[in-house]
Amino acid sequence: MPTIPRRRALATAATAMTALLLAACGTTEDAADAAGSPGPATSSGPVDLTDERGPVHLDAPARSIVSLEWGLSENLVALGVKPIGQADVKGYNNYNTIAPIDASTPDVGTRGEPSLDAIAALRPDLVVTTTDLPENVIAQIAEQSPVLTLRGSDGTDPIGYMRRTVTVLAQATGTQARGAQLLQEFDAYVAAGKAKLAQAGKAGAPFTMADGWIDSGTVSLRLFTPTSFFGGVAAELGLKNQWTTGGDKDYGLAQTDIEGLTKIKDPATSFVYVANKADGGDEFVAALTGNAVWKQLPFVKDSNLHRLPDGIWMFGGPPSAQAYIDALVAALTGA
């Protein structure tokens, strides 16, 4: 799974300390009180799905769901399903203000180190997670609750996999009508965004999307290639990503430094970036602006820089995609 900014290198849960999961914090809170309101299923009857681990059978659409990954949580919220338990509630709400969850939602540990005890205490109908969590951990959770496992993203078709994620979660929760509506709304957003870009003379405009952090006093950058989620959204808009190589197979992220940005040759390129204040974003920006190489880059000299608003999750679903479209179109058109 992509780490939150401050530990930007793409770390997977395979490196997580699974010992915490085995002996981690339990809860003395009554499960009925902790669970909160179940999600609204609009269809009934048995549900049979195929996830990344194989067939999944549910006797009925899931209403009480624990989510172990933020992108899945965003999609559930968009479907009208409130998770009864969430991995890192505070972190989720810090980095996703587009589809927030109730701050009082029971926390079941971190995304990489969930607690079996905390999950079991909530007695969920379903636990949703991604393949970033180690298989042995997923298997242990599956011994006590049904588990639906999807990928966090797919670099071969990030938008196609977003659609699959929405569709599968809608089937699992009996909210197919809402799922179809979400995808229709996304398509309408793309069409409207393309029209605004064309009207402003920005159709096919070159851009680069990045976020970054400071490691031992050195600025590191993470570039969103065309195979990333945000890269896929930009491709839907017809924009031309200027950083096309080096992305990992799942999330399409490539790492570089300030000197690496000299490889961007098109002088019309817009540099779009994220610098979340909750993670020292202002310090990151200050380190950039004080760098001599940075000052000589064409998009810097031309003030063709665009900092995106905080709170748009970079690995989310239709809500974050639509917020990104709004922000990106506004940045490139000056609207």
Protein backbone atom coordinates (compact mmCIF):
# COMPACT_ATOMS: atom_id res chain seq x y z
CA MET A 1 0.00 0.00 0.00
CA PRO A 2 1.21 3.53 -0.54
CA THR A 3 2.43 4.97 2.73
CA ILE A 4 1.23 8.30 3.98
CA PRO A 5 3.65 11.11 3.08
CA ARG A 6 6.56 11.35 5.61
CA ARG A 7 7.44 7.74 4.71
CA ARG A 8 6.87 8.19 1.00
CA ALA A 9 8.79 5.26 -0.43
CA LEU A 10 6.11 2.77 -1.43
CA ALA A 11 6.16 0.32 1.46
CA THR A 12 4.01 -2.78 1.38
CA ALA A 13 2.46 -4.46 4.32
CA ALA A 14 4.79 -7.39 3.71
CA THR A 15 7.29 -5.52 5.84
CA ALA A 16 4.78 -4.90 8.61
CA MET A 17 5.28 -6.42 12.04
CA THR A 18 2.67 -9.17 11.99
CA ALA A 19 3.38 -9.95 15.62
CA LEU A 20 1.32 -6.94 16.60
CA LEU A 21 -1.62 -8.39 14.70
CA LEU A 22 -1.39 -11.67 16.60
CA ALA A 23 -1.19 -10.17 20.07
CA ALA A 24 -2.45 -6.67 19.49
CA CYS A 25 -4.82 -4.53 21.39
CA GLY A 26 -8.19 -5.94 22.15
CA THR A 27 -11.16 -3.95 23.27
CA THR A 28 -13.38 -4.01 26.32
CA GLU A 29 -16.08 -1.96 24.58
CA ASP A 30 -19.29 -3.85 23.90
CA ALA A 31 -19.39 -4.75 20.21
CA ALA A 32 -22.99 -3.68 19.78
CA ASP A 33 -22.12 -0.22 21.07
CA ALA A 34 -18.92 0.01 19.04
CA ALA A 35 -20.40 -1.10 15.77
CA GLY A 36 -22.39 2.03 14.99
CA SER A 37 -24.93 2.10 12.18
CA PRO A 38 -24.76 -0.66 9.54
CA GLY A 39 -24.68 0.24 5.87
CA PRO A 40 -27.83 0.41 3.72
CA ALA A 41 -28.17 -2.69 1.51
CA THR A 42 -30.69 -2.16 -1.27
CA SER A 43 -30.73 -5.75 -2.51
CA SER A 44 -30.96 -9.04 -0.64
CA GLY A 45 -30.15 -12.70 -1.04
CA PRO A 46 -26.85 -14.56 -1.31
CA VAL A 47 -23.85 -12.83 -2.88
CA ASP A 48 -21.15 -14.64 -4.82
CA LEU A 49 -18.07 -12.70 -5.87
CA THR A 50 -14.57 -13.32 -7.13
CA ASP A 51 -11.80 -11.28 -5.54
CA GLU A 52 -8.02 -11.42 -5.92
CA ARG A 53 -7.86 -14.57 -3.75
CA GLY A 54 -10.72 -16.47 -5.37
CA PRO A 55 -14.46 -17.03 -4.79
CA VAL A 56 -16.20 -15.18 -1.95
CA HIS A 57 -19.66 -16.19 -0.74
CA LEU A 58 -21.88 -14.10 1.52
CA ASP A 59 -25.27 -15.32 2.72
CA ALA A 60 -26.59 -11.78 2.28
CA PRO A 61 -25.20 -8.36 1.30
CA ALA A 62 -22.74 -7.15 3.93
CA ARG A 63 -23.94 -4.33 6.15
CA SER A 64 -21.37 -4.30 8.96
CA ILE A 65 -17.97 -3.85 7.36
CA VAL A 66 -14.46 -3.31 8.69
CA SER A 67 -12.11 -1.65 6.21
CA LEU A 68 -8.34 -2.04 6.36
CA GLU A 69 -7.42 0.22 3.44
CA TRP A 70 -8.26 3.89 2.84
CA GLY A 71 -9.14 3.64 -0.85
CA LEU A 72 -11.68 0.93 -0.09
CA SER A 73 -13.07 3.03 2.75
CA GLU A 74 -13.61 5.97 0.42
CA ASN A 75 -15.54 3.78 -1.99
CA LEU A 76 -17.69 2.38 0.81
CA VAL A 77 -18.53 5.88 2.05
CA ALA A 78 -19.41 6.89 -1.50
CA LEU A 79 -21.73 3.89 -1.72
CA GLY A 80 -23.48 5.03 1.45
CA VAL A 81 -21.93 2.34 3.66
CA LYS A 82 -20.34 3.49 6.91
CA PRO A 83 -17.51 1.21 8.07
CA ILE A 84 -18.09 -0.09 11.59
CA GLY A 85 -14.32 -0.33 12.02
CA GLN A 86 -11.44 1.35 10.22
CA ALA A 87 -7.66 1.07 10.05
CA ASP A 88 -6.10 4.34 11.28
CA VAL A 89 -9.19 6.52 11.55
CA LYS A 90 -7.25 9.71 12.29
CA GLY A 91 -4.84 9.17 9.42
CA TYR A 92 -7.68 8.52 7.00
CA ASN A 93 -9.45 11.73 7.93
CA ASN A 94 -6.19 13.71 7.72
CA TYR A 95 -5.55 12.61 4.15
CA ASN A 96 -9.10 12.25 2.85
CA THR A 97 -11.40 15.19 3.50
CA ILE A 98 -13.45 14.37 0.37
CA ALA A 99 -15.12 11.31 1.91
CA PRO A 100 -14.47 11.51 5.69
CA ILE A 101 -15.66 8.96 8.22
CA ASP A 102 -16.97 9.57 11.72
CA ALA A 103 -14.03 10.26 14.02
CA SER A 104 -15.64 8.00 16.63
CA THR A 105 -15.43 4.96 14.31
CA PRO A 106 -13.60 2.17 16.17
CA ASP A 107 -9.95 1.99 15.17
CA VAL A 108 -8.61 -1.49 14.38
CA GLY A 109 -4.92 -0.67 14.13
CA THR A 110 -2.89 0.51 11.17
CA ARG A 111 -3.29 -0.46 7.55
CA GLY A 112 -0.17 -2.60 7.71
CA GLU A 113 -0.70 -3.91 11.24
CA PRO A 114 -4.40 -4.53 11.92
CA SER A 115 -5.50 -6.07 15.20
CA LEU A 116 -7.30 -9.42 15.08
CA ASP A 117 -8.81 -8.78 18.49
CA ALA A 118 -10.18 -5.37 17.55
CA ILE A 119 -11.68 -6.73 14.33
CA ALA A 120 -13.25 -9.75 16.02
CA ALA A 121 -14.81 -7.59 18.76
CA LEU A 122 -16.88 -5.78 16.11
CA ARG A 123 -18.31 -9.02 14.68
CA PRO A 124 -18.32 -7.74 11.06
CA ASP A 125 -20.25 -9.29 8.20
CA LEU A 126 -17.23 -8.58 6.03
CA VAL A 127 -13.65 -7.32 6.23
CA VAL A 128 -12.29 -5.54 3.15
CA THR A 129 -8.58 -5.26 2.48
CA THR A 130 -6.03 -5.22 -0.33
CA THR A 131 -3.35 -7.59 -1.54
CA ASP A 132 -0.77 -5.27 0.04
CA LEU A 133 -1.54 -7.01 3.33
CA PRO A 134 0.48 -10.24 3.57
CA GLU A 135 -1.43 -13.39 2.64
CA ASN A 136 -0.80 -15.04 6.00
CA VAL A 137 -2.38 -12.06 7.76
CA ILE A 138 -5.40 -12.10 5.45
CA ALA A 139 -5.79 -15.85 6.08
CA GLN A 140 -5.84 -15.29 9.84
CA ILE A 141 -8.55 -12.65 9.52
CA ALA A 142 -10.53 -15.01 7.23
CA GLU A 143 -10.62 -17.60 10.00
CA GLN A 144 -12.95 -15.35 11.99
CA SER A 145 -14.76 -13.20 9.36
CA PRO A 146 -15.45 -13.24 5.61
CA VAL A 147 -12.76 -11.26 3.78
CA LEU A 148 -12.93 -9.47 0.44
CA THR A 149 -9.47 -8.78 -0.99
CA LEU A 150 -8.89 -6.37 -3.87
CA ARG A 151 -5.80 -4.63 -5.20
CA GLY A 152 -5.04 -1.09 -4.10
CA SER A 153 -4.65 -0.22 -7.78
CA ASP A 154 -3.54 -1.82 -11.05
CA GLY A 155 -0.84 -0.11 -13.07
CA THR A 156 -1.99 -1.81 -16.27
CA ASP A 157 -5.39 -0.06 -16.09
CA PRO A 158 -5.84 2.14 -13.00
CA ILE A 159 -9.21 3.59 -14.04
CA GLY A 160 -10.52 0.21 -15.14
CA TYR A 161 -9.57 -1.21 -11.75
CA MET A 162 -11.25 1.70 -9.98
CA ARG A 163 -14.40 0.74 -11.84
CA ARG A 164 -13.98 -2.90 -10.83
CA THR A 165 -13.47 -1.90 -7.20
CA VAL A 166 -16.66 0.16 -7.13
CA THR A 167 -18.61 -2.61 -8.86
CA VAL A 168 -17.40 -5.40 -6.57
CA LEU A 169 -17.95 -3.39 -3.38
CA ALA A 170 -21.43 -2.44 -4.60
CA GLN A 171 -22.23 -6.10 -5.20
CA ALA A 172 -20.89 -7.06 -1.78
CA THR A 173 -23.04 -4.44 -0.06
CA GLY A 174 -26.16 -4.67 -2.21
CA THR A 175 -25.75 -1.10 -3.45
CA GLN A 176 -25.44 -1.78 -7.17
CA ALA A 177 -27.64 1.13 -8.19
CA ARG A 178 -25.52 3.58 -6.25
CA GLY A 179 -22.35 2.01 -7.68
CA ALA A 180 -23.58 2.51 -11.23
CA GLN A 181 -24.48 6.09 -10.39
CA LEU A 182 -20.97 6.78 -9.03
CA LEU A 183 -19.37 5.59 -12.26
CA GLN A 184 -21.80 7.62 -14.37
CA GLU A 185 -21.00 10.72 -12.31
CA PHE A 186 -17.28 10.10 -12.84
CA ASP A 187 -17.76 9.84 -16.60
CA ALA A 188 -19.72 13.10 -16.59
CA TYR A 189 -16.93 14.79 -14.61
CA VAL A 190 -14.35 13.65 -17.14
CA ALA A 191 -16.43 14.96 -20.04
CA ALA A 192 -16.99 18.31 -18.33
CA GLY A 193 -13.30 18.59 -17.43
CA LYS A 194 -12.20 17.90 -21.01
CA ALA A 195 -14.62 20.56 -22.27
CA LYS A 196 -13.25 23.16 -19.84
CA LEU A 197 -9.66 22.37 -20.84
CA ALA A 198 -10.51 22.65 -24.52
CA GLN A 199 -12.35 25.93 -24.00
CA ALA A 200 -9.27 27.33 -22.27
CA GLY A 201 -6.93 26.11 -25.01
CA LYS A 202 -5.40 23.49 -22.69
CA ALA A 203 -6.47 20.31 -24.48
CA GLY A 204 -3.54 17.87 -24.40
CA ALA A 205 -1.50 20.19 -22.19
CA PRO A 206 1.80 18.77 -20.84
CA PHE A 207 2.05 18.33 -17.08
CA THR A 208 3.86 16.47 -14.33
CA MET A 209 2.26 15.39 -11.05
CA ALA A 210 4.35 14.84 -7.92
CA ASP A 211 4.43 14.76 -4.18
CA GLY A 212 7.47 14.70 -1.94
CA TRP A 213 9.14 14.63 1.42
CA ILE A 214 12.41 15.48 3.14
CA ASP A 215 14.70 12.61 4.09
CA SER A 216 17.77 13.51 6.18
CA GLY A 217 17.68 17.03 4.83
CA THR A 218 17.40 15.94 1.18
CA VAL A 219 14.30 16.50 -0.95
CA SER A 220 12.86 13.34 -2.50
CA LEU A 221 10.07 13.36 -5.05
CA ARG A 222 7.48 10.81 -6.06
CA LEU A 223 6.19 11.17 -9.64
CA PHE A 224 2.76 9.94 -10.70
CA THR A 225 3.28 8.18 -14.04
CA PRO A 226 0.44 7.47 -16.52
CA THR A 227 -0.09 4.11 -14.77
CA SER A 228 -0.87 5.74 -11.41
CA PHE A 229 -4.42 6.50 -10.27
CA PHE A 230 -3.99 10.25 -10.72
CA GLY A 231 -2.07 9.61 -13.96
CA GLY A 232 -5.00 7.57 -15.22
CA VAL A 233 -7.45 10.33 -14.37
CA ALA A 234 -5.30 12.87 -16.22
CA ALA A 235 -5.13 10.55 -19.23
CA GLU A 236 -8.93 10.42 -19.26
CA LEU A 237 -8.81 14.21 -19.56
CA GLY A 238 -6.43 13.94 -22.52
CA LEU A 239 -3.51 15.60 -20.73
CA LYS A 240 0.08 14.61 -21.59
CA ASN A 241 2.05 13.26 -18.65
CA GLN A 242 5.75 14.17 -19.00
CA TRP A 243 6.99 11.52 -16.58
CA THR A 244 6.27 8.18 -18.19
CA THR A 245 8.83 5.74 -16.78
CA GLY A 246 9.84 4.12 -13.51
CA GLY A 247 6.42 3.50 -12.02
CA ASP A 248 5.83 0.40 -9.90
CA LYS A 249 3.41 -2.22 -11.26
CA ASP A 250 0.56 -1.51 -8.85
CA TYR A 251 0.54 2.20 -8.09
CA GLY A 252 2.54 3.63 -10.99
CA LEU A 253 4.80 5.72 -8.75
CA ALA A 254 8.38 6.66 -9.66
CA GLN A 255 10.95 8.17 -7.33
CA THR A 256 13.49 10.86 -8.19
CA ASP A 257 15.18 13.96 -6.79
CA ILE A 258 15.28 17.61 -7.83
CA GLU A 259 18.11 16.99 -10.29
CA GLY A 260 15.95 14.32 -11.94
CA LEU A 261 13.38 16.94 -12.89
CA THR A 262 15.84 18.34 -15.44
CA LYS A 263 14.74 15.42 -17.66
CA ILE A 264 11.44 17.22 -18.28
CA LYS A 265 12.11 18.98 -21.59
CA ASP A 266 8.80 20.51 -22.74
CA PRO A 267 8.98 24.16 -21.59
CA ALA A 268 5.17 24.35 -21.48
CA THR A 269 4.97 21.69 -18.77
CA SER A 270 2.92 22.50 -15.69
CA PHE A 271 4.31 21.11 -12.43
CA VAL A 272 1.40 19.97 -10.24
CA TYR A 273 2.15 18.76 -6.73
CA VAL A 274 0.78 17.75 -3.35
CA ALA A 275 2.28 19.04 -0.10
CA ASN A 276 -0.05 18.06 2.72
CA LYS A 277 0.33 20.42 5.68
CA ALA A 278 -0.38 17.57 8.09
CA ASP A 279 2.83 15.94 6.92
CA GLY A 280 5.21 18.89 6.83
CA GLY A 281 4.22 20.08 3.38
CA ASP A 282 5.25 23.66 4.01
CA GLU A 283 8.76 22.56 5.00
CA PHE A 284 8.95 20.47 1.83
CA VAL A 285 7.99 23.49 -0.29
CA ALA A 286 10.54 25.68 1.51
CA ALA A 287 13.27 23.13 0.78
CA LEU A 288 12.31 23.13 -2.91
CA THR A 289 12.30 26.88 -3.30
CA GLY A 290 15.73 27.20 -1.71
CA ASN A 291 17.34 24.76 -4.14
CA ALA A 292 19.51 26.22 -6.93
CA VAL A 293 18.62 23.48 -9.45
CA TRP A 294 14.92 23.95 -8.74
CA LYS A 295 15.15 27.67 -9.47
CA GLN A 296 16.47 26.99 -12.98
CA LEU A 297 13.73 24.58 -14.06
CA PRO A 298 11.54 26.04 -16.86
CA PHE A 299 8.24 25.57 -15.04
CA VAL A 300 9.70 27.28 -11.98
CA LYS A 301 11.07 30.24 -13.93
CA ASP A 302 7.71 30.61 -15.68
CA SER A 303 5.80 30.25 -12.38
CA ASN A 304 3.97 27.30 -13.89
CA LEU A 305 3.57 25.61 -10.50
CA HIS A 306 0.32 24.41 -8.99
CA ARG A 307 -0.07 23.13 -5.43
CA LEU A 308 -3.21 21.02 -5.08
CA PRO A 309 -5.54 21.38 -2.08
CA ASP A 310 -4.97 19.04 0.85
CA GLY A 311 -7.36 16.18 1.50
CA ILE A 312 -7.65 14.55 -1.95
CA TRP A 313 -6.61 10.93 -1.44
CA MET A 314 -4.15 9.99 -4.16
CA PHE A 315 -5.22 6.34 -4.30
CA GLY A 316 -8.99 6.61 -3.90
CA GLY A 317 -12.18 6.18 -5.91
CA PRO A 318 -14.63 8.38 -7.81
CA PRO A 319 -14.92 11.08 -5.10
CA SER A 320 -11.16 11.72 -5.03
CA ALA A 321 -10.97 11.39 -8.81
CA GLN A 322 -13.62 14.06 -9.23
CA ALA A 323 -11.96 16.36 -6.70
CA TYR A 324 -8.67 15.88 -8.56
CA ILE A 325 -10.34 16.75 -11.85
CA ASP A 326 -11.71 19.94 -10.33
CA ALA A 327 -8.32 20.89 -8.88
CA LEU A 328 -6.30 19.96 -11.95
CA VAL A 329 -8.58 21.73 -14.41
CA ALA A 330 -8.67 24.82 -12.22
CA ALA A 331 -4.86 24.82 -11.96
CA LEU A 332 -4.26 24.49 -15.69
CA THR A 333 -6.96 26.91 -16.82
CA GLY A 334 -6.48 29.50 -14.08
CA ALA A 335 -10.15 29.24 -13.21
